[in-house]
Amino acid sequence: MPWDGRPHAFAPAPVPFARSRADLLAEGWTGRAITAAVRRDELVRSRNGVYLLPTDDADLRTAARVGGRLTCVSELRRRGVFVLSASKVHVHLPVNAGRMRTVGTQVFRHWDGPVRHPHPRACAVEPFDAVLHAVRCQEPRAAVATLDSALRLGVIRDDELGELFAHLPRRYRVLRRMLDPRAGSGPESLMRLLLRRVGCSFDVQVEIRGVGRVDFVVAGWLIIECDSEEHHSSWEARRADLRRDQAAAALGYCTYRPIAEDIMWHADRVLAALRGLLERGPAPRRR
């Protein structure tokens, strides 16, 4: 559905609290019970005297093991926000932290002070700080897609953007003009940026009678649908797509369906296809 300016309902990813041995003892645990729970994998000792549950996210446990909080693209991915890549676990460490504990997972460290202060026991930073870190950590196109997604999901609010960009270097302010939370996915955001590069006119999230809602209509005749394996892998989904394309063709539209993988990682291929289609233009209508 089109974005109406309000965050879409989504299942928030609650931030688990790490509990110290003192916390557990205060709750009525005994030292023997704590040890037994760790042996039965009912508790995870992330570091000396700090415990989490085995059901807690693996990246959260990694952050706790090194003495920090999950942040940036790692925390946003956990919350369902689109990030282009998150190969390392991003961890925020206190500015006065000593040497980081060694873990087997690759860790990217963030040292700057938080803008929003989380609960002392929280295993992740506040969403505002995670978004702030992710904008600086990613290339511009990925940052725009992440911001679109975070706005659409309500992870940050539109009225927080001014504060967010005030905490970023001036060179990032150009990104604000590129945002459009109507994008239904990260690849849609990235495709929108490619269309801007081409310099063509286009509309987003267009309702076409007899076809339904499409991702883009370019130059009044070219439909672009950003397909992903997640939503278009079954034959039933593919058949529905083909019938939509057929209905659109009956109305004089041409449909181009770039796959998400190419939009994200092979933009040159998508740009070449766009330019080829637009240079040829629509077929003239017979009188």
C-alpha atoms as a PDB file:
ATOM      1  CA  MET A   1       0.000   0.000   0.000  1.00  0.00           C
ATOM      2  CA  PRO A   2       1.174   3.601  -0.485  1.00  0.00           C
ATOM      3  CA  TRP A   3       2.829   5.323   2.435  1.00  0.00           C
ATOM      4  CA  ASP A   4       0.407   7.736   4.119  1.00  0.00           C
ATOM      5  CA  GLY A   5       2.956   9.487   6.314  1.00  0.00           C
ATOM      6  CA  ARG A   6       2.319   7.246   9.291  1.00  0.00           C
ATOM      7  CA  PRO A   7       4.625   4.396  10.298  1.00  0.00           C
ATOM      8  CA  HIS A   8       3.323   0.996   9.274  1.00  0.00           C
ATOM      9  CA  ALA A   9       2.479  -1.419  12.047  1.00  0.00           C
ATOM     10  CA  PHE A  10       5.265  -3.881  12.596  1.00  0.00           C
ATOM     11  CA  ALA A  11       6.427  -6.280  15.256  1.00  0.00           C
ATOM     12  CA  PRO A  12       9.082  -4.364  17.174  1.00  0.00           C
ATOM     13  CA  ALA A  13      12.210  -6.260  18.103  1.00  0.00           C
ATOM     14  CA  PRO A  14      12.455  -5.767  21.855  1.00  0.00           C
ATOM     15  CA  VAL A  15      15.932  -5.192  23.205  1.00  0.00           C
ATOM     16  CA  PRO A  16      16.850  -7.904  25.704  1.00  0.00           C
ATOM     17  CA  PHE A  17      18.537  -6.857  28.912  1.00  0.00           C
ATOM     18  CA  ALA A  18      21.761  -8.456  30.040  1.00  0.00           C
ATOM     19  CA  ARG A  19      21.465  -9.507  33.655  1.00  0.00           C
ATOM     20  CA  SER A  20      24.342  -9.546  36.060  1.00  0.00           C
ATOM     21  CA  ARG A  21      24.945 -12.220  38.631  1.00  0.00           C
ATOM     22  CA  ALA A  22      23.805  -9.711  41.263  1.00  0.00           C
ATOM     23  CA  ASP A  23      20.538  -9.190  39.367  1.00  0.00           C
ATOM     24  CA  LEU A  24      19.881 -12.922  39.291  1.00  0.00           C
ATOM     25  CA  LEU A  25      20.693 -13.354  42.968  1.00  0.00           C
ATOM     26  CA  ALA A  26      18.341 -10.468  43.795  1.00  0.00           C
ATOM     27  CA  GLU A  27      15.596 -12.263  41.842  1.00  0.00           C
ATOM     28  CA  GLY A  28      15.988 -15.325  44.034  1.00  0.00           C
ATOM     29  CA  TRP A  29      18.507 -17.378  42.071  1.00  0.00           C
ATOM     30  CA  THR A  30      21.291 -19.140  43.919  1.00  0.00           C
ATOM     31  CA  GLY A  31      24.834 -19.472  42.672  1.00  0.00           C
ATOM     32  CA  ARG A  32      24.294 -23.197  42.210  1.00  0.00           C
ATOM     33  CA  ALA A  33      21.090 -22.598  40.202  1.00  0.00           C
ATOM     34  CA  ILE A  34      22.884 -20.120  37.924  1.00  0.00           C
ATOM     35  CA  THR A  35      25.688 -22.594  37.242  1.00  0.00           C
ATOM     36  CA  ALA A  36      23.203 -25.386  36.545  1.00  0.00           C
ATOM     37  CA  ALA A  37      21.201 -23.165  34.153  1.00  0.00           C
ATOM     38  CA  VAL A  38      24.363 -22.334  32.213  1.00  0.00           C
ATOM     39  CA  ARG A  39      25.237 -26.034  31.943  1.00  0.00           C
ATOM     40  CA  ARG A  40      21.728 -26.800  30.660  1.00  0.00           C
ATOM     41  CA  ASP A  41      21.984 -23.935  28.135  1.00  0.00           C
ATOM     42  CA  GLU A  42      19.106 -22.132  29.829  1.00  0.00           C
ATOM     43  CA  LEU A  43      21.373 -19.142  30.434  1.00  0.00           C
ATOM     44  CA  VAL A  44      24.314 -17.919  28.360  1.00  0.00           C
ATOM     45  CA  ARG A  45      27.278 -16.404  30.147  1.00  0.00           C
ATOM     46  CA  SER A  46      28.298 -13.703  27.668  1.00  0.00           C
ATOM     47  CA  ARG A  47      31.205 -12.568  29.776  1.00  0.00           C
ATOM     48  CA  ASN A  48      32.249 -12.891  33.374  1.00  0.00           C
ATOM     49  CA  GLY A  49      29.201 -12.230  35.521  1.00  0.00           C
ATOM     50  CA  VAL A  50      26.849 -11.169  32.691  1.00  0.00           C
ATOM     51  CA  TYR A  51      24.085 -13.439  31.394  1.00  0.00           C
ATOM     52  CA  LEU A  52      21.620 -13.577  28.498  1.00  0.00           C
ATOM     53  CA  LEU A  53      19.045 -16.078  27.305  1.00  0.00           C
ATOM     54  CA  PRO A  54      19.933 -18.637  24.604  1.00  0.00           C
ATOM     55  CA  THR A  55      16.987 -17.346  22.546  1.00  0.00           C
ATOM     56  CA  ASP A  56      18.530 -13.868  22.319  1.00  0.00           C
ATOM     57  CA  ASP A  57      19.867 -12.869  18.901  1.00  0.00           C
ATOM     58  CA  ALA A  58      23.391 -14.165  18.182  1.00  0.00           C
ATOM     59  CA  ASP A  59      24.645 -10.676  17.294  1.00  0.00           C
ATOM     60  CA  LEU A  60      23.311  -9.351  20.601  1.00  0.00           C
ATOM     61  CA  ARG A  61      25.232 -12.058  22.416  1.00  0.00           C
ATOM     62  CA  THR A  62      28.392 -11.135  20.487  1.00  0.00           C
ATOM     63  CA  ALA A  63      27.978  -7.470  21.439  1.00  0.00           C
ATOM     64  CA  ALA A  64      27.524  -8.409  25.076  1.00  0.00           C
ATOM     65  CA  ARG A  65      30.600 -10.662  25.000  1.00  0.00           C
ATOM     66  CA  VAL A  66      32.845  -7.805  23.893  1.00  0.00           C
ATOM     67  CA  GLY A  67      31.367  -5.465  26.495  1.00  0.00           C
ATOM     68  CA  GLY A  68      29.256  -3.273  24.216  1.00  0.00           C
ATOM     69  CA  ARG A  69      25.826  -2.876  22.629  1.00  0.00           C
ATOM     70  CA  LEU A  70      24.612  -3.892  19.189  1.00  0.00           C
ATOM     71  CA  THR A  71      24.297  -0.932  16.799  1.00  0.00           C
ATOM     72  CA  CYS A  72      24.339   0.306  13.215  1.00  0.00           C
ATOM     73  CA  VAL A  73      23.410  -2.092  10.398  1.00  0.00           C
ATOM     74  CA  SER A  74      23.481  -5.106  12.744  1.00  0.00           C
ATOM     75  CA  GLU A  75      20.829  -3.706  15.080  1.00  0.00           C
ATOM     76  CA  LEU A  76      18.723  -2.355  12.215  1.00  0.00           C
ATOM     77  CA  ARG A  77      18.773  -5.718  10.438  1.00  0.00           C
ATOM     78  CA  ARG A  78      17.610  -7.317  13.684  1.00  0.00           C
ATOM     79  CA  ARG A  79      14.693  -4.882  13.685  1.00  0.00           C
ATOM     80  CA  GLY A  80      13.726  -5.721  10.109  1.00  0.00           C
ATOM     81  CA  VAL A  81      15.119  -2.541   8.537  1.00  0.00           C
ATOM     82  CA  PHE A  82      16.732  -2.896   5.113  1.00  0.00           C
ATOM     83  CA  VAL A  83      20.533  -2.767   5.075  1.00  0.00           C
ATOM     84  CA  LEU A  84      22.548  -3.524   1.979  1.00  0.00           C
ATOM     85  CA  SER A  85      25.264  -5.479   3.760  1.00  0.00           C
ATOM     86  CA  ALA A  86      26.056  -6.458   7.337  1.00  0.00           C
ATOM     87  CA  SER A  87      28.985  -8.854   7.169  1.00  0.00           C
ATOM     88  CA  LYS A  88      30.459  -7.706  10.488  1.00  0.00           C
ATOM     89  CA  VAL A  89      28.767  -7.328  13.854  1.00  0.00           C
ATOM     90  CA  HIS A  90      28.626  -3.611  14.649  1.00  0.00           C
ATOM     91  CA  VAL A  91      29.123  -2.915  18.340  1.00  0.00           C
ATOM     92  CA  HIS A  92      28.982   0.367  20.233  1.00  0.00           C
ATOM     93  CA  LEU A  93      31.518   0.571  23.045  1.00  0.00           C
ATOM     94  CA  PRO A  94      31.643   3.159  25.834  1.00  0.00           C
ATOM     95  CA  VAL A  95      34.092   5.997  25.159  1.00  0.00           C
ATOM     96  CA  ASN A  96      35.992   4.992  28.290  1.00  0.00           C
ATOM     97  CA  ALA A  97      36.077   1.280  27.407  1.00  0.00           C
ATOM     98  CA  GLY A  98      39.365  -0.504  27.753  1.00  0.00           C
ATOM     99  CA  ARG A  99      40.692  -3.138  25.421  1.00  0.00           C
ATOM    100  CA  MET A 100      37.885  -4.961  23.608  1.00  0.00           C
ATOM    101  CA  ARG A 101      37.466  -8.612  24.447  1.00  0.00           C
ATOM    102  CA  THR A 102      38.398 -10.995  21.636  1.00  0.00           C
ATOM    103  CA  VAL A 103      35.624 -13.047  20.016  1.00  0.00           C
ATOM    104  CA  GLY A 104      35.581 -15.330  17.007  1.00  0.00           C
ATOM    105  CA  THR A 105      33.179 -13.101  15.030  1.00  0.00           C
ATOM    106  CA  GLN A 106      34.388 -10.098  13.029  1.00  0.00           C
ATOM    107  CA  VAL A 107      33.396  -6.949  14.916  1.00  0.00           C
ATOM    108  CA  PHE A 108      33.244  -3.318  13.771  1.00  0.00           C
ATOM    109  CA  ARG A 109      33.582  -0.923  16.695  1.00  0.00           C
ATOM    110  CA  HIS A 110      31.748   2.375  17.247  1.00  0.00           C
ATOM    111  CA  TRP A 111      33.173   4.578  19.992  1.00  0.00           C
ATOM    112  CA  ASP A 112      31.229   7.854  19.804  1.00  0.00           C
ATOM    113  CA  GLY A 113      28.898   8.835  22.622  1.00  0.00           C
ATOM    114  CA  PRO A 114      25.191   8.036  22.145  1.00  0.00           C
ATOM    115  CA  VAL A 115      22.574  10.677  21.403  1.00  0.00           C
ATOM    116  CA  ARG A 116      19.832   8.616  23.057  1.00  0.00           C
ATOM    117  CA  HIS A 117      20.899   6.877  26.243  1.00  0.00           C
ATOM    118  CA  PRO A 118      19.660   3.278  26.486  1.00  0.00           C
ATOM    119  CA  HIS A 119      18.752   1.410  29.635  1.00  0.00           C
ATOM    120  CA  PRO A 120      21.954   0.485  31.502  1.00  0.00           C
ATOM    121  CA  ARG A 121      21.261  -3.224  30.952  1.00  0.00           C
ATOM    122  CA  ALA A 122      20.164  -2.930  27.288  1.00  0.00           C
ATOM    123  CA  CYS A 123      22.117  -5.073  24.824  1.00  0.00           C
ATOM    124  CA  ALA A 124      21.536  -2.636  21.928  1.00  0.00           C
ATOM    125  CA  VAL A 125      21.630   1.103  21.386  1.00  0.00           C
ATOM    126  CA  GLU A 126      18.454   3.104  20.874  1.00  0.00           C
ATOM    127  CA  PRO A 127      17.055   2.958  17.301  1.00  0.00           C
ATOM    128  CA  PHE A 128      17.931   6.624  16.664  1.00  0.00           C
ATOM    129  CA  ASP A 129      21.621   5.946  17.290  1.00  0.00           C
ATOM    130  CA  ALA A 130      21.560   2.743  15.232  1.00  0.00           C
ATOM    131  CA  VAL A 131      20.204   4.720  12.255  1.00  0.00           C
ATOM    132  CA  LEU A 132      22.737   7.498  12.823  1.00  0.00           C
ATOM    133  CA  HIS A 133      25.602   5.001  12.762  1.00  0.00           C
ATOM    134  CA  ALA A 134      24.195   3.203   9.699  1.00  0.00           C
ATOM    135  CA  VAL A 135      24.016   6.396   7.628  1.00  0.00           C
ATOM    136  CA  ARG A 136      27.711   7.051   8.222  1.00  0.00           C
ATOM    137  CA  CYS A 137      28.755   3.416   7.777  1.00  0.00           C
ATOM    138  CA  GLN A 138      27.121   2.818   4.390  1.00  0.00           C
ATOM    139  CA  GLU A 139      27.549   4.226   0.914  1.00  0.00           C
ATOM    140  CA  PRO A 140      25.014   6.981   0.101  1.00  0.00           C
ATOM    141  CA  ARG A 141      22.574   4.842  -1.910  1.00  0.00           C
ATOM    142  CA  ALA A 142      22.454   2.218   0.834  1.00  0.00           C
ATOM    143  CA  ALA A 143      21.981   4.916   3.483  1.00  0.00           C
ATOM    144  CA  VAL A 144      18.976   6.294   1.578  1.00  0.00           C
ATOM    145  CA  ALA A 145      17.423   2.825   1.322  1.00  0.00           C
ATOM    146  CA  THR A 146      17.980   2.239   5.041  1.00  0.00           C
ATOM    147  CA  LEU A 147      16.419   5.590   5.951  1.00  0.00           C
ATOM    148  CA  ASP A 148      13.401   4.899   3.715  1.00  0.00           C
ATOM    149  CA  SER A 149      12.920   1.545   5.417  1.00  0.00           C
ATOM    150  CA  ALA A 150      13.404   2.914   8.946  1.00  0.00           C
ATOM    151  CA  LEU A 151      10.845   5.661   8.301  1.00  0.00           C
ATOM    152  CA  ARG A 152       8.341   3.281   6.761  1.00  0.00           C
ATOM    153  CA  LEU A 153       8.602   0.868   9.698  1.00  0.00           C
ATOM    154  CA  GLY A 154       8.458   3.607  12.323  1.00  0.00           C
ATOM    155  CA  VAL A 155      11.932   2.834  13.665  1.00  0.00           C
ATOM    156  CA  ILE A 156      12.530   6.572  13.361  1.00  0.00           C
ATOM    157  CA  ARG A 157       9.936   9.297  12.815  1.00  0.00           C
ATOM    158  CA  ASP A 158       9.815  11.954  10.139  1.00  0.00           C
ATOM    159  CA  ASP A 159       9.984  14.655  12.821  1.00  0.00           C
ATOM    160  CA  GLU A 160      13.313  13.205  14.017  1.00  0.00           C
ATOM    161  CA  LEU A 161      15.055  13.713  10.669  1.00  0.00           C
ATOM    162  CA  GLY A 162      16.106  17.277  11.453  1.00  0.00           C
ATOM    163  CA  GLU A 163      17.871  16.152  14.612  1.00  0.00           C
ATOM    164  CA  LEU A 164      19.353  13.141  12.850  1.00  0.00           C
ATOM    165  CA  PHE A 165      20.959  15.195  10.082  1.00  0.00           C
ATOM    166  CA  ALA A 166      22.098  17.819  12.594  1.00  0.00           C
ATOM    167  CA  HIS A 167      24.288  15.104  14.130  1.00  0.00           C
ATOM    168  CA  LEU A 168      25.795  14.221  10.734  1.00  0.00           C
ATOM    169  CA  PRO A 169      28.468  16.120   8.785  1.00  0.00           C
ATOM    170  CA  ARG A 170      27.040  18.676   6.352  1.00  0.00           C
ATOM    171  CA  ARG A 171      27.904  16.537   3.326  1.00  0.00           C
ATOM    172  CA  TYR A 172      25.182  14.065   4.326  1.00  0.00           C
ATOM    173  CA  ARG A 173      22.364  16.618   4.153  1.00  0.00           C
ATOM    174  CA  VAL A 174      21.872  16.052   0.431  1.00  0.00           C
ATOM    175  CA  LEU A 175      20.558  12.578   1.295  1.00  0.00           C
ATOM    176  CA  ARG A 176      17.480  14.029   2.971  1.00  0.00           C
ATOM    177  CA  ARG A 177      16.152  15.304  -0.354  1.00  0.00           C
ATOM    178  CA  MET A 178      16.412  11.776  -1.776  1.00  0.00           C
ATOM    179  CA  LEU A 179      14.206  10.052   0.819  1.00  0.00           C
ATOM    180  CA  ASP A 180      10.815   8.564  -0.024  1.00  0.00           C
ATOM    181  CA  PRO A 181       9.341   6.134   2.528  1.00  0.00           C
ATOM    182  CA  ARG A 182       6.700   5.016   0.019  1.00  0.00           C
ATOM    183  CA  ALA A 183       9.246   2.481  -1.221  1.00  0.00           C
ATOM    184  CA  GLY A 184       8.007  -0.961  -0.270  1.00  0.00           C
ATOM    185  CA  SER A 185      11.488  -2.493  -0.066  1.00  0.00           C
ATOM    186  CA  GLY A 186      15.177  -1.681  -0.138  1.00  0.00           C
ATOM    187  CA  PRO A 187      15.518  -2.636  -3.819  1.00  0.00           C
ATOM    188  CA  GLU A 188      12.672  -0.231  -4.649  1.00  0.00           C
ATOM    189  CA  SER A 189      14.580   2.594  -2.965  1.00  0.00           C
ATOM    190  CA  LEU A 190      17.720   1.689  -4.903  1.00  0.00           C
ATOM    191  CA  MET A 191      15.765   1.488  -8.174  1.00  0.00           C
ATOM    192  CA  ARG A 192      14.343   4.951  -7.542  1.00  0.00           C
ATOM    193  CA  LEU A 193      17.881   6.299  -7.256  1.00  0.00           C
ATOM    194  CA  LEU A 194      18.830   4.588 -10.534  1.00  0.00           C
ATOM    195  CA  LEU A 195      15.862   6.219 -12.255  1.00  0.00           C
ATOM    196  CA  ARG A 196      17.033   9.581 -10.944  1.00  0.00           C
ATOM    197  CA  ARG A 197      20.442   8.886 -12.473  1.00  0.00           C
ATOM    198  CA  VAL A 198      18.861   8.167 -15.831  1.00  0.00           C
ATOM    199  CA  GLY A 199      16.985  11.460 -15.593  1.00  0.00           C
ATOM    200  CA  CYS A 200      13.588  10.186 -16.696  1.00  0.00           C
ATOM    201  CA  SER A 201      10.168  11.101 -15.341  1.00  0.00           C
ATOM    202  CA  PHE A 202       8.508   8.487 -13.161  1.00  0.00           C
ATOM    203  CA  ASP A 203       5.780   7.917 -10.587  1.00  0.00           C
ATOM    204  CA  VAL A 204       5.976   5.538  -7.636  1.00  0.00           C
ATOM    205  CA  GLN A 205       3.401   3.134  -6.213  1.00  0.00           C
ATOM    206  CA  VAL A 206       0.918   3.679  -9.039  1.00  0.00           C
ATOM    207  CA  GLU A 207      -2.534   2.103  -9.022  1.00  0.00           C
ATOM    208  CA  ILE A 208      -3.581   0.916 -12.514  1.00  0.00           C
ATOM    209  CA  ARG A 209      -7.154  -0.235 -12.990  1.00  0.00           C
ATOM    210  CA  GLY A 210      -7.252  -3.887 -13.974  1.00  0.00           C
ATOM    211  CA  VAL A 211      -3.604  -4.400 -12.997  1.00  0.00           C
ATOM    212  CA  GLY A 212      -3.244  -3.261  -9.403  1.00  0.00           C
ATOM    213  CA  ARG A 213      -0.492  -1.323  -7.725  1.00  0.00           C
ATOM    214  CA  VAL A 214       2.896  -1.289  -9.452  1.00  0.00           C
ATOM    215  CA  ASP A 215       6.230  -0.088  -8.110  1.00  0.00           C
ATOM    216  CA  PHE A 216       7.010   2.468 -10.846  1.00  0.00           C
ATOM    217  CA  VAL A 217       5.551   3.872 -14.034  1.00  0.00           C
ATOM    218  CA  VAL A 218       8.297   5.500 -16.115  1.00  0.00           C
ATOM    219  CA  ALA A 219       7.562   8.031 -18.851  1.00  0.00           C
ATOM    220  CA  GLY A 220       3.902   7.052 -18.771  1.00  0.00           C
ATOM    221  CA  TRP A 221       4.372   3.660 -20.460  1.00  0.00           C
ATOM    222  CA  LEU A 222       7.076   1.552 -18.784  1.00  0.00           C
ATOM    223  CA  ILE A 223       6.143  -0.387 -15.648  1.00  0.00           C
ATOM    224  CA  ILE A 224       9.003  -1.451 -13.387  1.00  0.00           C
ATOM    225  CA  GLU A 225       8.451  -4.103 -10.740  1.00  0.00           C
ATOM    226  CA  CYS A 226      11.311  -4.885  -8.348  1.00  0.00           C
ATOM    227  CA  ASP A 227      11.183  -8.654  -7.894  1.00  0.00           C
ATOM    228  CA  SER A 228      12.776 -10.581  -5.053  1.00  0.00           C
ATOM    229  CA  GLU A 229      13.038 -14.309  -4.449  1.00  0.00           C
ATOM    230  CA  GLU A 230      11.244 -13.889  -1.129  1.00  0.00           C
ATOM    231  CA  HIS A 231       7.975 -12.747  -2.723  1.00  0.00           C
ATOM    232  CA  HIS A 232       8.166 -14.139  -6.263  1.00  0.00           C
ATOM    233  CA  SER A 233       9.777 -17.593  -5.968  1.00  0.00           C
ATOM    234  CA  SER A 234       6.705 -19.838  -6.151  1.00  0.00           C
ATOM    235  CA  TRP A 235       4.947 -20.718  -9.389  1.00  0.00           C
ATOM    236  CA  GLU A 236       1.707 -19.284  -7.981  1.00  0.00           C
ATOM    237  CA  ALA A 237       3.394 -15.915  -7.408  1.00  0.00           C
ATOM    238  CA  ARG A 238       5.077 -16.049 -10.809  1.00  0.00           C
ATOM    239  CA  ARG A 239       1.787 -16.858 -12.525  1.00  0.00           C
ATOM    240  CA  ALA A 240       0.108 -13.912 -10.805  1.00  0.00           C
ATOM    241  CA  ASP A 241       2.942 -11.644 -11.976  1.00  0.00           C
ATOM    242  CA  LEU A 242       2.606 -12.840 -15.569  1.00  0.00           C
ATOM    243  CA  ARG A 243      -1.121 -12.246 -15.552  1.00  0.00           C
ATOM    244  CA  ARG A 244      -0.580  -8.724 -14.213  1.00  0.00           C
ATOM    245  CA  ASP A 245       1.951  -8.104 -16.988  1.00  0.00           C
ATOM    246  CA  GLN A 246      -0.537  -9.422 -19.525  1.00  0.00           C
ATOM    247  CA  ALA A 247      -3.260  -7.119 -18.217  1.00  0.00           C
ATOM    248  CA  ALA A 248      -0.831  -4.198 -18.341  1.00  0.00           C
ATOM    249  CA  ALA A 249       0.172  -5.074 -21.911  1.00  0.00           C
ATOM    250  CA  ALA A 250      -3.474  -4.950 -22.952  1.00  0.00           C
ATOM    251  CA  LEU A 251      -3.478  -1.337 -21.746  1.00  0.00           C
ATOM    252  CA  GLY A 252      -0.351  -0.500 -23.746  1.00  0.00           C
ATOM    253  CA  TYR A 253       2.253  -0.809 -20.983  1.00  0.00           C
ATOM    254  CA  CYS A 254       5.611  -2.565 -21.202  1.00  0.00           C
ATOM    255  CA  THR A 255       6.836  -4.254 -18.010  1.00  0.00           C
ATOM    256  CA  TYR A 256      10.452  -4.637 -16.886  1.00  0.00           C
ATOM    257  CA  ARG A 257      11.219  -6.809 -13.856  1.00  0.00           C
ATOM    258  CA  PRO A 258      14.843  -6.456 -12.709  1.00  0.00           C
ATOM    259  CA  ILE A 259      15.772  -8.901  -9.973  1.00  0.00           C
ATOM    260  CA  ALA A 260      16.727  -7.547  -6.565  1.00  0.00           C
ATOM    261  CA  GLU A 261      20.224  -9.047  -6.791  1.00  0.00           C
ATOM    262  CA  ASP A 262      21.014  -6.977  -9.891  1.00  0.00           C
ATOM    263  CA  ILE A 263      19.515  -3.807  -8.427  1.00  0.00           C
ATOM    264  CA  MET A 264      21.669  -4.184  -5.321  1.00  0.00           C
ATOM    265  CA  TRP A 265      24.931  -5.525  -6.744  1.00  0.00           C
ATOM    266  CA  HIS A 266      24.923  -5.064 -10.540  1.00  0.00           C
ATOM    267  CA  ALA A 267      23.423  -1.626 -11.060  1.00  0.00           C
ATOM    268  CA  ASP A 268      25.274  -1.232 -14.369  1.00  0.00           C
ATOM    269  CA  ARG A 269      23.189  -4.051 -15.876  1.00  0.00           C
ATOM    270  CA  VAL A 270      19.953  -2.438 -14.740  1.00  0.00           C
ATOM    271  CA  LEU A 271      21.018   0.982 -16.011  1.00  0.00           C
ATOM    272  CA  ALA A 272      21.873  -0.495 -19.412  1.00  0.00           C
ATOM    273  CA  ALA A 273      18.442  -2.123 -19.625  1.00  0.00           C
ATOM    274  CA  LEU A 274      16.674   1.081 -18.603  1.00  0.00           C
ATOM    275  CA  ARG A 275      18.538   3.175 -21.136  1.00  0.00           C
ATOM    276  CA  GLY A 276      17.929   0.637 -23.891  1.00  0.00           C
ATOM    277  CA  LEU A 277      14.204   0.600 -23.222  1.00  0.00           C
ATOM    278  CA  LEU A 278      13.870   4.366 -22.911  1.00  0.00           C
ATOM    279  CA  GLU A 279      15.935   5.091 -26.015  1.00  0.00           C
ATOM    280  CA  ARG A 280      13.692   2.828 -28.072  1.00  0.00           C
ATOM    281  CA  GLY A 281      10.570   4.229 -26.494  1.00  0.00           C
ATOM    282  CA  PRO A 282       7.023   2.867 -26.677  1.00  0.00           C
ATOM    283  CA  ALA A 283       5.795   1.310 -29.890  1.00  0.00           C
ATOM    284  CA  PRO A 284       3.579   3.699 -31.870  1.00  0.00           C
ATOM    285  CA  ARG A 285      -0.118   2.960 -31.532  1.00  0.00           C
ATOM    286  CA  ARG A 286      -1.913   1.802 -34.650  1.00  0.00           C
ATOM    287  CA  ARG A 287      -4.788   3.976 -35.735  1.00  0.00           C
END
